[in-house]
Amino acid sequence: MPATAQPNKPLALVCGEDDFAVKERARQLYQQWCAEVGGMDHE
């Protein structure tokens, strides 16, 4: 059986008790990823 290809896209699970902190951390990750690929048009 051939090996399956590993995805090269990042995946993050952001969870916690404080909704504001979770939302803020998710926003930080999203902005970091957008900066790495050069904009928000890359999905």
C-alpha atoms as a PDB file:
ATOM      1  CA  MET A   1       0.000   0.000   0.000  1.00  0.00           C
ATOM      2  CA  PRO A   2       1.507   3.394  -0.955  1.00  0.00           C
ATOM      3  CA  ALA A   3       2.127   5.941   1.758  1.00  0.00           C
ATOM      4  CA  THR A   4      -0.397   8.738   1.922  1.00  0.00           C
ATOM      5  CA  ALA A   5       0.789  12.269   1.292  1.00  0.00           C
ATOM      6  CA  GLN A   6       1.066  14.440   4.354  1.00  0.00           C
ATOM      7  CA  PRO A   7      -0.715  17.792   4.136  1.00  0.00           C
ATOM      8  CA  ASN A   8       1.645  20.759   4.190  1.00  0.00           C
ATOM      9  CA  LYS A   9      -0.951  23.168   5.525  1.00  0.00           C
ATOM     10  CA  PRO A  10      -0.949  24.106   9.204  1.00  0.00           C
ATOM     11  CA  LEU A  11      -3.757  23.060  11.494  1.00  0.00           C
ATOM     12  CA  ALA A  12      -4.349  24.492  14.943  1.00  0.00           C
ATOM     13  CA  LEU A  13      -6.899  23.776  17.630  1.00  0.00           C
ATOM     14  CA  VAL A  14      -7.406  26.791  19.854  1.00  0.00           C
ATOM     15  CA  CYS A  15      -9.479  26.059  22.936  1.00  0.00           C
ATOM     16  CA  GLY A  16      -9.847  27.296  26.466  1.00  0.00           C
ATOM     17  CA  GLU A  17     -12.169  28.597  29.133  1.00  0.00           C
ATOM     18  CA  ASP A  18     -11.789  32.304  28.267  1.00  0.00           C
ATOM     19  CA  ASP A  19     -13.656  32.999  25.015  1.00  0.00           C
ATOM     20  CA  PHE A  20     -11.916  36.345  24.497  1.00  0.00           C
ATOM     21  CA  ALA A  21      -8.435  34.817  24.859  1.00  0.00           C
ATOM     22  CA  VAL A  22      -9.310  31.959  22.496  1.00  0.00           C
ATOM     23  CA  LYS A  23     -10.658  34.362  19.876  1.00  0.00           C
ATOM     24  CA  GLU A  24      -7.607  36.624  20.232  1.00  0.00           C
ATOM     25  CA  ARG A  25      -5.159  33.719  19.845  1.00  0.00           C
ATOM     26  CA  ALA A  26      -7.035  32.407  16.802  1.00  0.00           C
ATOM     27  CA  ARG A  27      -6.908  35.884  15.277  1.00  0.00           C
ATOM     28  CA  GLN A  28      -3.140  36.063  15.912  1.00  0.00           C
ATOM     29  CA  LEU A  29      -2.572  32.718  14.192  1.00  0.00           C
ATOM     30  CA  TYR A  30      -4.711  33.724  11.220  1.00  0.00           C
ATOM     31  CA  GLN A  31      -2.868  37.034  10.809  1.00  0.00           C
ATOM     32  CA  GLN A  32       0.490  35.243  11.067  1.00  0.00           C
ATOM     33  CA  TRP A  33      -0.509  32.735   8.383  1.00  0.00           C
ATOM     34  CA  CYS A  34      -1.800  35.499   6.106  1.00  0.00           C
ATOM     35  CA  ALA A  35       1.479  37.393   6.504  1.00  0.00           C
ATOM     36  CA  GLU A  36       3.475  34.259   5.641  1.00  0.00           C
ATOM     37  CA  VAL A  37       1.620  33.667   2.351  1.00  0.00           C
ATOM     38  CA  GLY A  38       1.344  37.320   1.385  1.00  0.00           C
ATOM     39  CA  GLY A  39      -2.307  38.187   1.871  1.00  0.00           C
ATOM     40  CA  MET A  40      -5.770  36.898   2.668  1.00  0.00           C
ATOM     41  CA  ASP A  41      -6.631  35.584  -0.820  1.00  0.00           C
ATOM     42  CA  HIS A  42      -4.872  32.258  -0.240  1.00  0.00           C
ATOM     43  CA  GLU A  43      -7.261  29.589   0.994  1.00  0.00           C
END
